[in-house]
Amino acid sequence: MRHCLRLRARWLFLVLGCAVFISGCAIQLGAPFKTDQVPSIQVGKTTQAEVMGFFGQPTSRGVKDGRPLWTYLFARLSLGGTATGTLLSIEFDDQGVVHGYSYVPY
């Protein structure tokens, strides 16, 4: 009986260890978003509703210098240490119109 429990425990640890190793092969942050719409952003013209239509829900929302700031982030880090992704930060004025933005593919 004890031998059977030990065997099951070993298999469980082996399966869990493999799952952790496999899931550790690539770490993903955020969700992919359509970067082809980035050139459509116009400072002083594009609204929050339009940005939402282009990219969906932001990864995070915050405030910068008293203005709303939306951030879209998608990053993937492989086991070999290679990082790829995109970062889009959009700052809005008090009327919900784009005040400025930055886009960094890496």
PDB file of N, CA and C in Angstrom:
ATOM      1  N   MET A   1       0.829  -1.187   0.000  1.00  0.00           N
ATOM      2  CA  MET A   1       0.000   0.000   0.000  1.00  0.00           C
ATOM      3  C   MET A   1       0.875   1.252   0.000  1.00  0.00           C
ATOM      4  N   ARG A   2       1.878   1.301   0.897  1.00  0.00           N
ATOM      5  CA  ARG A   2       2.764   2.453   0.957  1.00  0.00           C
ATOM      6  C   ARG A   2       3.542   2.616  -0.336  1.00  0.00           C
ATOM      7  N   HIS A   3       3.975   1.486  -0.885  1.00  0.00           N
ATOM      8  CA  HIS A   3       4.728   1.509  -2.135  1.00  0.00           C
ATOM      9  C   HIS A   3       3.877   2.145  -3.247  1.00  0.00           C
ATOM     10  N   CYS A   4       2.603   1.799  -3.296  1.00  0.00           N
ATOM     11  CA  CYS A   4       1.684   2.341  -4.299  1.00  0.00           C
ATOM     12  C   CYS A   4       1.531   3.857  -4.126  1.00  0.00           C
ATOM     13  N   LEU A   5       1.403   4.325  -2.885  1.00  0.00           N
ATOM     14  CA  LEU A   5       1.277   5.762  -2.629  1.00  0.00           C
ATOM     15  C   LEU A   5       2.551   6.501  -3.021  1.00  0.00           C
ATOM     16  N   ARG A   6       3.706   5.911  -2.708  1.00  0.00           N
ATOM     17  CA  ARG A   6       4.974   6.536  -3.095  1.00  0.00           C
ATOM     18  C   ARG A   6       5.100   6.618  -4.606  1.00  0.00           C
ATOM     19  N   LEU A   7       4.704   5.555  -5.283  1.00  0.00           N
ATOM     20  CA  LEU A   7       4.768   5.538  -6.742  1.00  0.00           C
ATOM     21  C   LEU A   7       3.850   6.610  -7.333  1.00  0.00           C
ATOM     22  N   ARG A   8       2.663   6.709  -6.797  1.00  0.00           N
ATOM     23  CA  ARG A   8       1.728   7.753  -7.268  1.00  0.00           C
ATOM     24  C   ARG A   8       2.280   9.150  -6.993  1.00  0.00           C
ATOM     25  N   ALA A   9       2.865   9.329  -5.826  1.00  0.00           N
ATOM     26  CA  ALA A   9       3.438  10.637  -5.486  1.00  0.00           C
ATOM     27  C   ALA A   9       4.582  10.987  -6.431  1.00  0.00           C
ATOM     28  N   ARG A  10       5.416  10.007  -6.766  1.00  0.00           N
ATOM     29  CA  ARG A  10       6.520  10.256  -7.704  1.00  0.00           C
ATOM     30  C   ARG A  10       5.983  10.643  -9.079  1.00  0.00           C
ATOM     31  N   TRP A  11       4.971   9.916  -9.540  1.00  0.00           N
ATOM     32  CA  TRP A  11       4.386  10.241 -10.843  1.00  0.00           C
ATOM     33  C   TRP A  11       3.754  11.641 -10.819  1.00  0.00           C
ATOM     34  N   LEU A  12       3.094  11.966  -9.730  1.00  0.00           N
ATOM     35  CA  LEU A  12       2.480  13.282  -9.612  1.00  0.00           C
ATOM     36  C   LEU A  12       3.538  14.379  -9.681  1.00  0.00           C
ATOM     37  N   PHE A  13       4.634  14.222  -8.942  1.00  0.00           N
ATOM     38  CA  PHE A  13       5.710  15.211  -8.971  1.00  0.00           C
ATOM     39  C   PHE A  13       6.363  15.277 -10.350  1.00  0.00           C
ATOM     40  N   LEU A  14       6.491  14.130 -10.995  1.00  0.00           N
ATOM     41  CA  LEU A  14       7.064  14.107 -12.348  1.00  0.00           C
ATOM     42  C   LEU A  14       6.164  14.858 -13.329  1.00  0.00           C
ATOM     43  N   VAL A  15       4.877  14.594 -13.282  1.00  0.00           N
ATOM     44  CA  VAL A  15       3.921  15.267 -14.167  1.00  0.00           C
ATOM     45  C   VAL A  15       3.893  16.765 -13.869  1.00  0.00           C
ATOM     46  N   LEU A  16       3.833  17.147 -12.608  1.00  0.00           N
ATOM     47  CA  LEU A  16       3.834  18.571 -12.252  1.00  0.00           C
ATOM     48  C   LEU A  16       5.134  19.247 -12.677  1.00  0.00           C
ATOM     49  N   GLY A  17       6.254  18.559 -12.491  1.00  0.00           N
ATOM     50  CA  GLY A  17       7.542  19.120 -12.899  1.00  0.00           C
ATOM     51  C   GLY A  17       7.594  19.351 -14.400  1.00  0.00           C
ATOM     52  N   CYS A  18       7.098  18.387 -15.170  1.00  0.00           N
ATOM     53  CA  CYS A  18       7.060  18.546 -16.639  1.00  0.00           C
ATOM     54  C   CYS A  18       6.155  19.705 -17.028  1.00  0.00           C
ATOM     55  N   ALA A  19       5.007  19.821 -16.366  1.00  0.00           N
ATOM     56  CA  ALA A  19       4.079  20.915 -16.683  1.00  0.00           C
ATOM     57  C   ALA A  19       4.719  22.266 -16.398  1.00  0.00           C
ATOM     58  N   VAL A  20       5.410  22.391 -15.280  1.00  0.00           N
ATOM     59  CA  VAL A  20       6.088  23.645 -14.944  1.00  0.00           C
ATOM     60  C   VAL A  20       7.177  23.946 -15.959  1.00  0.00           C
ATOM     61  N   PHE A  21       7.940  22.928 -16.345  1.00  0.00           N
ATOM     62  CA  PHE A  21       9.011  23.129 -17.320  1.00  0.00           C
ATOM     63  C   PHE A  21       8.448  23.546 -18.674  1.00  0.00           C
ATOM     64  N   ILE A  22       7.405  22.857 -19.130  1.00  0.00           N
ATOM     65  CA  ILE A  22       6.818  23.170 -20.437  1.00  0.00           C
ATOM     66  C   ILE A  22       6.223  24.572 -20.429  1.00  0.00           C
ATOM     67  N   SER A  23       5.511  24.919 -19.374  1.00  0.00           N
ATOM     68  CA  SER A  23       4.917  26.257 -19.321  1.00  0.00           C
ATOM     69  C   SER A  23       5.987  27.327 -19.173  1.00  0.00           C
ATOM     70  N   GLY A  24       7.161  26.954 -18.681  1.00  0.00           N
ATOM     71  CA  GLY A  24       8.247  27.903 -18.526  1.00  0.00           C
ATOM     72  C   GLY A  24       9.017  28.152 -19.801  1.00  0.00           C
ATOM     73  N   CYS A  25       8.700  27.448 -20.862  1.00  0.00           N
ATOM     74  CA  CYS A  25       9.413  27.631 -22.136  1.00  0.00           C
ATOM     75  C   CYS A  25       9.140  29.006 -22.737  1.00  0.00           C
ATOM     76  N   ALA A  26       7.983  29.547 -22.490  1.00  0.00           N
ATOM     77  CA  ALA A  26       7.662  30.885 -22.977  1.00  0.00           C
ATOM     78  C   ALA A  26       6.709  31.545 -21.988  1.00  0.00           C
ATOM     79  N   ILE A  27       7.026  32.751 -21.619  1.00  0.00           N
ATOM     80  CA  ILE A  27       6.178  33.529 -20.723  1.00  0.00           C
ATOM     81  C   ILE A  27       5.553  34.641 -21.550  1.00  0.00           C
ATOM     82  N   GLN A  28       4.259  34.815 -21.411  1.00  0.00           N
ATOM     83  CA  GLN A  28       3.551  35.830 -22.182  1.00  0.00           C
ATOM     84  C   GLN A  28       2.908  36.828 -21.238  1.00  0.00           C
ATOM     85  N   LEU A  29       3.040  38.110 -21.554  1.00  0.00           N
ATOM     86  CA  LEU A  29       2.409  39.185 -20.792  1.00  0.00           C
ATOM     87  C   LEU A  29       1.462  39.940 -21.705  1.00  0.00           C
ATOM     88  N   GLY A  30       0.303  40.279 -21.210  1.00  0.00           N
ATOM     89  CA  GLY A  30      -0.649  41.024 -22.003  1.00  0.00           C
ATOM     90  C   GLY A  30      -1.257  40.168 -23.091  1.00  0.00           C
ATOM     91  N   ALA A  31      -1.948  40.829 -23.996  1.00  0.00           N
ATOM     92  CA  ALA A  31      -2.611  40.138 -25.107  1.00  0.00           C
ATOM     93  C   ALA A  31      -2.206  40.797 -26.417  1.00  0.00           C
ATOM     94  N   PRO A  32      -2.093  40.012 -27.473  1.00  0.00           N
ATOM     95  CA  PRO A  32      -1.761  40.611 -28.769  1.00  0.00           C
ATOM     96  C   PRO A  32      -2.821  41.637 -29.175  1.00  0.00           C
ATOM     97  N   PHE A  33      -2.403  42.689 -29.816  1.00  0.00           N
ATOM     98  CA  PHE A  33      -3.345  43.687 -30.327  1.00  0.00           C
ATOM     99  C   PHE A  33      -2.916  44.081 -31.736  1.00  0.00           C
ATOM    100  N   LYS A  34      -3.868  44.626 -32.500  1.00  0.00           N
ATOM    101  CA  LYS A  34      -3.627  44.964 -33.905  1.00  0.00           C
ATOM    102  C   LYS A  34      -2.766  46.220 -34.009  1.00  0.00           C
ATOM    103  N   THR A  35      -1.521  46.046 -34.395  1.00  0.00           N
ATOM    104  CA  THR A  35      -0.613  47.182 -34.491  1.00  0.00           C
ATOM    105  C   THR A  35      -0.762  47.936 -35.808  1.00  0.00           C
ATOM    106  N   ASP A  36      -1.484  47.359 -36.761  1.00  0.00           N
ATOM    107  CA  ASP A  36      -1.648  48.031 -38.054  1.00  0.00           C
ATOM    108  C   ASP A  36      -2.476  49.311 -37.956  1.00  0.00           C
ATOM    109  N   GLN A  37      -3.167  49.514 -36.836  1.00  0.00           N
ATOM    110  CA  GLN A  37      -3.979  50.719 -36.648  1.00  0.00           C
ATOM    111  C   GLN A  37      -3.213  51.859 -35.974  1.00  0.00           C
ATOM    112  N   VAL A  38      -1.985  51.609 -35.535  1.00  0.00           N
ATOM    113  CA  VAL A  38      -1.208  52.649 -34.856  1.00  0.00           C
ATOM    114  C   VAL A  38      -1.082  53.913 -35.718  1.00  0.00           C
ATOM    115  N   PRO A  39      -0.818  53.817 -37.031  1.00  0.00           N
ATOM    116  CA  PRO A  39      -0.727  55.041 -37.840  1.00  0.00           C
ATOM    117  C   PRO A  39      -2.031  55.840 -37.916  1.00  0.00           C
ATOM    118  N   SER A  40      -3.158  55.219 -37.544  1.00  0.00           N
ATOM    119  CA  SER A  40      -4.448  55.919 -37.570  1.00  0.00           C
ATOM    120  C   SER A  40      -4.631  56.869 -36.392  1.00  0.00           C
ATOM    121  N   ILE A  41      -3.800  56.740 -35.369  1.00  0.00           N
ATOM    122  CA  ILE A  41      -3.913  57.611 -34.199  1.00  0.00           C
ATOM    123  C   ILE A  41      -3.466  59.019 -34.592  1.00  0.00           C
ATOM    124  N   GLN A  42      -4.336  59.998 -34.342  1.00  0.00           N
ATOM    125  CA  GLN A  42      -4.017  61.393 -34.648  1.00  0.00           C
ATOM    126  C   GLN A  42      -4.129  62.227 -33.377  1.00  0.00           C
ATOM    127  N   VAL A  43      -3.016  62.846 -32.991  1.00  0.00           N
ATOM    128  CA  VAL A  43      -3.008  63.710 -31.811  1.00  0.00           C
ATOM    129  C   VAL A  43      -3.988  64.856 -32.051  1.00  0.00           C
ATOM    130  N   GLY A  44      -4.831  65.115 -31.050  1.00  0.00           N
ATOM    131  CA  GLY A  44      -5.809  66.189 -31.143  1.00  0.00           C
ATOM    132  C   GLY A  44      -7.084  65.814 -31.869  1.00  0.00           C
ATOM    133  N   LYS A  45      -7.173  64.602 -32.412  1.00  0.00           N
ATOM    134  CA  LYS A  45      -8.366  64.190 -33.166  1.00  0.00           C
ATOM    135  C   LYS A  45      -8.953  62.855 -32.706  1.00  0.00           C
ATOM    136  N   THR A  46      -8.123  61.850 -32.521  1.00  0.00           N
ATOM    137  CA  THR A  46      -8.614  60.506 -32.203  1.00  0.00           C
ATOM    138  C   THR A  46      -9.161  60.472 -30.775  1.00  0.00           C
ATOM    139  N   THR A  47     -10.350  59.888 -30.623  1.00  0.00           N
ATOM    140  CA  THR A  47     -11.014  59.822 -29.318  1.00  0.00           C
ATOM    141  C   THR A  47     -10.761  58.486 -28.629  1.00  0.00           C
ATOM    142  N   GLN A  48     -11.111  58.445 -27.349  1.00  0.00           N
ATOM    143  CA  GLN A  48     -10.984  57.192 -26.590  1.00  0.00           C
ATOM    144  C   GLN A  48     -11.839  56.097 -27.218  1.00  0.00           C
ATOM    145  N   ALA A  49     -13.032  56.451 -27.688  1.00  0.00           N
ATOM    146  CA  ALA A  49     -13.912  55.452 -28.317  1.00  0.00           C
ATOM    147  C   ALA A  49     -13.260  54.874 -29.578  1.00  0.00           C
ATOM    148  N   GLU A  50     -12.603  55.714 -30.355  1.00  0.00           N
ATOM    149  CA  GLU A  50     -11.924  55.235 -31.554  1.00  0.00           C
ATOM    150  C   GLU A  50     -10.750  54.329 -31.196  1.00  0.00           C
ATOM    151  N   VAL A  51      -9.993  54.729 -30.183  1.00  0.00           N
ATOM    152  CA  VAL A  51      -8.862  53.901 -29.724  1.00  0.00           C
ATOM    153  C   VAL A  51      -9.376  52.537 -29.270  1.00  0.00           C
ATOM    154  N   MET A  52     -10.479  52.529 -28.539  1.00  0.00           N
ATOM    155  CA  MET A  52     -11.077  51.280 -28.083  1.00  0.00           C
ATOM    156  C   MET A  52     -11.488  50.427 -29.284  1.00  0.00           C
ATOM    157  N   GLY A  53     -12.009  51.069 -30.323  1.00  0.00           N
ATOM    158  CA  GLY A  53     -12.376  50.341 -31.535  1.00  0.00           C
ATOM    159  C   GLY A  53     -11.170  49.775 -32.266  1.00  0.00           C
ATOM    160  N   PHE A  54     -10.058  50.505 -32.262  1.00  0.00           N
ATOM    161  CA  PHE A  54      -8.835  50.047 -32.925  1.00  0.00           C
ATOM    162  C   PHE A  54      -8.192  48.866 -32.194  1.00  0.00           C
ATOM    163  N   PHE A  55      -8.066  48.999 -30.856  1.00  0.00           N
ATOM    164  CA  PHE A  55      -7.220  48.084 -30.083  1.00  0.00           C
ATOM    165  C   PHE A  55      -7.939  47.281 -29.012  1.00  0.00           C
ATOM    166  N   GLY A  56      -9.187  47.580 -28.718  1.00  0.00           N
ATOM    167  CA  GLY A  56      -9.900  46.883 -27.648  1.00  0.00           C
ATOM    168  C   GLY A  56      -9.544  47.453 -26.283  1.00  0.00           C
ATOM    169  N   GLN A  57      -9.815  46.670 -25.244  1.00  0.00           N
ATOM    170  CA  GLN A  57      -9.537  47.103 -23.874  1.00  0.00           C
ATOM    171  C   GLN A  57      -8.030  47.220 -23.660  1.00  0.00           C
ATOM    172  N   PRO A  58      -7.571  48.290 -23.013  1.00  0.00           N
ATOM    173  CA  PRO A  58      -6.136  48.412 -22.727  1.00  0.00           C
ATOM    174  C   PRO A  58      -5.688  47.398 -21.678  1.00  0.00           C
ATOM    175  N   THR A  59      -4.416  47.086 -21.709  1.00  0.00           N
ATOM    176  CA  THR A  59      -3.832  46.196 -20.708  1.00  0.00           C
ATOM    177  C   THR A  59      -3.903  46.843 -19.332  1.00  0.00           C
ATOM    178  N   SER A  60      -3.668  48.169 -19.295  1.00  0.00           N
ATOM    179  CA  SER A  60      -3.776  48.895 -18.036  1.00  0.00           C
ATOM    180  C   SER A  60      -4.214  50.332 -18.302  1.00  0.00           C
ATOM    181  N   ARG A  61      -4.794  50.931 -17.278  1.00  0.00           N
ATOM    182  CA  ARG A  61      -5.204  52.335 -17.315  1.00  0.00           C
ATOM    183  C   ARG A  61      -4.575  53.025 -16.118  1.00  0.00           C
ATOM    184  N   GLY A  62      -4.101  54.235 -16.356  1.00  0.00           N
ATOM    185  CA  GLY A  62      -3.483  54.981 -15.275  1.00  0.00           C
ATOM    186  C   GLY A  62      -3.621  56.465 -15.526  1.00  0.00           C
ATOM    187  N   VAL A  63      -2.792  57.242 -14.842  1.00  0.00           N
ATOM    188  CA  VAL A  63      -2.798  58.697 -14.970  1.00  0.00           C
ATOM    189  C   VAL A  63      -1.353  59.161 -15.088  1.00  0.00           C
ATOM    190  N   LYS A  64      -1.116  60.062 -16.033  1.00  0.00           N
ATOM    191  CA  LYS A  64       0.207  60.660 -16.206  1.00  0.00           C
ATOM    192  C   LYS A  64       0.012  62.171 -16.291  1.00  0.00           C
ATOM    193  N   ASP A  65       0.680  62.890 -15.399  1.00  0.00           N
ATOM    194  CA  ASP A  65       0.551  64.345 -15.341  1.00  0.00           C
ATOM    195  C   ASP A  65      -0.916  64.780 -15.289  1.00  0.00           C
ATOM    196  N   GLY A  66      -1.735  64.024 -14.565  1.00  0.00           N
ATOM    197  CA  GLY A  66      -3.145  64.357 -14.388  1.00  0.00           C
ATOM    198  C   GLY A  66      -4.025  63.966 -15.565  1.00  0.00           C
ATOM    199  N   ARG A  67      -3.459  63.326 -16.587  1.00  0.00           N
ATOM    200  CA  ARG A  67      -4.233  62.924 -17.764  1.00  0.00           C
ATOM    201  C   ARG A  67      -4.381  61.405 -17.802  1.00  0.00           C
ATOM    202  N   PRO A  68      -5.528  60.921 -18.345  1.00  0.00           N
ATOM    203  CA  PRO A  68      -5.696  59.467 -18.485  1.00  0.00           C
ATOM    204  C   PRO A  68      -4.624  58.878 -19.408  1.00  0.00           C
ATOM    205  N   LEU A  69      -4.104  57.722 -19.037  1.00  0.00           N
ATOM    206  CA  LEU A  69      -3.081  57.033 -19.814  1.00  0.00           C
ATOM    207  C   LEU A  69      -3.498  55.578 -19.986  1.00  0.00           C
ATOM    208  N   TRP A  70      -3.612  55.153 -21.239  1.00  0.00           N
ATOM    209  CA  TRP A  70      -3.929  53.765 -21.538  1.00  0.00           C
ATOM    210  C   TRP A  70      -2.676  53.105 -22.084  1.00  0.00           C
ATOM    211  N   THR A  71      -2.436  51.877 -21.639  1.00  0.00           N
ATOM    212  CA  THR A  71      -1.271  51.132 -22.109  1.00  0.00           C
ATOM    213  C   THR A  71      -1.710  49.793 -22.674  1.00  0.00           C
ATOM    214  N   TYR A  72      -1.206  49.500 -23.850  1.00  0.00           N
ATOM    215  CA  TYR A  72      -1.396  48.195 -24.487  1.00  0.00           C
ATOM    216  C   TYR A  72      -0.032  47.521 -24.519  1.00  0.00           C
ATOM    217  N   LEU A  73       0.028  46.313 -23.994  1.00  0.00           N
ATOM    218  CA  LEU A  73       1.299  45.605 -23.904  1.00  0.00           C
ATOM    219  C   LEU A  73       1.116  44.161 -24.337  1.00  0.00           C
ATOM    220  N   PHE A  74       2.012  43.712 -25.171  1.00  0.00           N
ATOM    221  CA  PHE A  74       2.109  42.291 -25.476  1.00  0.00           C
ATOM    222  C   PHE A  74       3.582  41.952 -25.518  1.00  0.00           C
ATOM    223  N   ALA A  75       3.993  40.987 -24.708  1.00  0.00           N
ATOM    224  CA  ALA A  75       5.401  40.587 -24.666  1.00  0.00           C
ATOM    225  C   ALA A  75       5.479  39.082 -24.495  1.00  0.00           C
ATOM    226  N   ARG A  76       6.472  38.510 -25.147  1.00  0.00           N
ATOM    227  CA  ARG A  76       6.736  37.077 -25.015  1.00  0.00           C
ATOM    228  C   ARG A  76       8.225  36.894 -24.762  1.00  0.00           C
ATOM    229  N   LEU A  77       8.541  36.168 -23.700  1.00  0.00           N
ATOM    230  CA  LEU A  77       9.920  35.872 -23.344  1.00  0.00           C
ATOM    231  C   LEU A  77      10.115  34.372 -23.451  1.00  0.00           C
ATOM    232  N   SER A  78      11.047  33.953 -24.318  1.00  0.00           N
ATOM    233  CA  SER A  78      11.291  32.527 -24.496  1.00  0.00           C
ATOM    234  C   SER A  78      12.320  32.043 -23.486  1.00  0.00           C
ATOM    235  N   LEU A  79      12.435  30.732 -23.371  1.00  0.00           N
ATOM    236  CA  LEU A  79      13.366  30.132 -22.430  1.00  0.00           C
ATOM    237  C   LEU A  79      14.799  30.558 -22.720  1.00  0.00           C
ATOM    238  N   GLY A  80      15.112  30.799 -23.997  1.00  0.00           N
ATOM    239  CA  GLY A  80      16.453  31.236 -24.382  1.00  0.00           C
ATOM    240  C   GLY A  80      16.735  32.689 -24.054  1.00  0.00           C
ATOM    241  N   GLY A  81      15.746  33.403 -23.535  1.00  0.00           N
ATOM    242  CA  GLY A  81      15.954  34.797 -23.147  1.00  0.00           C
ATOM    243  C   GLY A  81      15.609  35.796 -24.233  1.00  0.00           C
ATOM    244  N   THR A  82      15.017  35.336 -25.338  1.00  0.00           N
ATOM    245  CA  THR A  82      14.630  36.234 -26.422  1.00  0.00           C
ATOM    246  C   THR A  82      13.285  36.876 -26.097  1.00  0.00           C
ATOM    247  N   ALA A  83      13.238  38.200 -26.129  1.00  0.00           N
ATOM    248  CA  ALA A  83      12.000  38.920 -25.855  1.00  0.00           C
ATOM    249  C   ALA A  83      11.500  39.572 -27.135  1.00  0.00           C
ATOM    250  N   THR A  84      10.207  39.429 -27.393  1.00  0.00           N
ATOM    251  CA  THR A  84       9.562  40.106 -28.509  1.00  0.00           C
ATOM    252  C   THR A  84       8.254  40.679 -27.998  1.00  0.00           C
ATOM    253  N   GLY A  85       7.797  41.727 -28.637  1.00  0.00           N
ATOM    254  CA  GLY A  85       6.523  42.288 -28.224  1.00  0.00           C
ATOM    255  C   GLY A  85       6.302  43.683 -28.746  1.00  0.00           C
ATOM    256  N   THR A  86       5.257  44.292 -28.232  1.00  0.00           N
ATOM    257  CA  THR A  86       4.891  45.655 -28.598  1.00  0.00           C
ATOM    258  C   THR A  86       4.360  46.382 -27.373  1.00  0.00           C
ATOM    259  N   LEU A  87       4.622  47.674 -27.318  1.00  0.00           N
ATOM    260  CA  LEU A  87       4.147  48.525 -26.231  1.00  0.00           C
ATOM    261  C   LEU A  87       3.585  49.794 -26.841  1.00  0.00           C
ATOM    262  N   LEU A  88       2.322  50.088 -26.518  1.00  0.00           N
ATOM    263  CA  LEU A  88       1.655  51.296 -26.996  1.00  0.00           C
ATOM    264  C   LEU A  88       1.090  52.027 -25.791  1.00  0.00           C
ATOM    265  N   SER A  89       1.504  53.275 -25.587  1.00  0.00           N
ATOM    266  CA  SER A  89       0.989  54.107 -24.502  1.00  0.00           C
ATOM    267  C   SER A  89       0.300  55.305 -25.117  1.00  0.00           C
ATOM    268  N   ILE A  90      -0.932  55.563 -24.691  1.00  0.00           N
ATOM    269  CA  ILE A  90      -1.717  56.662 -25.243  1.00  0.00           C
ATOM    270  C   ILE A  90      -2.198  57.548 -24.101  1.00  0.00           C
ATOM    271  N   GLU A  91      -1.876  58.818 -24.202  1.00  0.00           N
ATOM    272  CA  GLU A  91      -2.287  59.809 -23.204  1.00  0.00           C
ATOM    273  C   GLU A  91      -3.436  60.629 -23.785  1.00  0.00           C
ATOM    274  N   PHE A  92      -4.483  60.835 -22.979  1.00  0.00           N
ATOM    275  CA  PHE A  92      -5.667  61.572 -23.419  1.00  0.00           C
ATOM    276  C   PHE A  92      -5.799  62.892 -22.664  1.00  0.00           C
ATOM    277  N   ASP A  93      -6.460  63.869 -23.300  1.00  0.00           N
ATOM    278  CA  ASP A  93      -6.739  65.125 -22.606  1.00  0.00           C
ATOM    279  C   ASP A  93      -8.043  64.979 -21.822  1.00  0.00           C
ATOM    280  N   ASP A  94      -8.515  66.079 -21.219  1.00  0.00           N
ATOM    281  CA  ASP A  94      -9.716  66.045 -20.382  1.00  0.00           C
ATOM    282  C   ASP A  94     -10.985  65.722 -21.165  1.00  0.00           C
ATOM    283  N   GLN A  95     -10.959  65.938 -22.476  1.00  0.00           N
ATOM    284  CA  GLN A  95     -12.122  65.652 -23.319  1.00  0.00           C
ATOM    285  C   GLN A  95     -12.075  64.237 -23.904  1.00  0.00           C
ATOM    286  N   GLY A  96     -11.058  63.457 -23.559  1.00  0.00           N
ATOM    287  CA  GLY A  96     -10.950  62.091 -24.057  1.00  0.00           C
ATOM    288  C   GLY A  96     -10.391  61.997 -25.459  1.00  0.00           C
ATOM    289  N   VAL A  97      -9.596  63.007 -25.858  1.00  0.00           N
ATOM    290  CA  VAL A  97      -8.961  63.031 -27.165  1.00  0.00           C
ATOM    291  C   VAL A  97      -7.462  62.795 -26.964  1.00  0.00           C
ATOM    292  N   VAL A  98      -6.837  62.112 -27.921  1.00  0.00           N
ATOM    293  CA  VAL A  98      -5.420  61.776 -27.800  1.00  0.00           C
ATOM    294  C   VAL A  98      -4.578  63.040 -27.654  1.00  0.00           C
ATOM    295  N   HIS A  99      -3.803  63.092 -26.585  1.00  0.00           N
ATOM    296  CA  HIS A  99      -2.883  64.201 -26.315  1.00  0.00           C
ATOM    297  C   HIS A  99      -1.477  63.855 -26.828  1.00  0.00           C
ATOM    298  N   GLY A 100      -1.156  62.563 -26.802  1.00  0.00           N
ATOM    299  CA  GLY A 100       0.136  62.082 -27.270  1.00  0.00           C
ATOM    300  C   GLY A 100       0.189  60.570 -27.128  1.00  0.00           C
ATOM    301  N   TYR A 101       1.117  59.964 -27.838  1.00  0.00           N
ATOM    302  CA  TYR A 101       1.261  58.515 -27.724  1.00  0.00           C
ATOM    303  C   TYR A 101       2.680  58.098 -28.077  1.00  0.00           C
ATOM    304  N   SER A 102       3.005  56.884 -27.674  1.00  0.00           N
ATOM    305  CA  SER A 102       4.303  56.316 -28.024  1.00  0.00           C
ATOM    306  C   SER A 102       4.087  54.837 -28.355  1.00  0.00           C
ATOM    307  N   TYR A 103       4.784  54.388 -29.396  1.00  0.00           N
ATOM    308  CA  TYR A 103       4.665  53.000 -29.846  1.00  0.00           C
ATOM    309  C   TYR A 103       6.065  52.427 -29.993  1.00  0.00           C
ATOM    310  N   VAL A 104       6.296  51.303 -29.330  1.00  0.00           N
ATOM    311  CA  VAL A 104       7.626  50.683 -29.375  1.00  0.00           C
ATOM    312  C   VAL A 104       7.473  49.191 -29.676  1.00  0.00           C
ATOM    313  N   PRO A 105       7.810  48.774 -30.900  1.00  0.00           N
ATOM    314  CA  PRO A 105       7.901  47.334 -31.151  1.00  0.00           C
ATOM    315  C   PRO A 105       9.308  46.862 -30.760  1.00  0.00           C
ATOM    316  N   TYR A 106       9.410  45.709 -30.158  1.00  0.00           N
ATOM    317  CA  TYR A 106      10.718  45.180 -29.795  1.00  0.00           C
ATOM    318  C   TYR A 106      10.751  43.688 -29.967  1.00  0.00           C
TER     319      TYR A 106
END
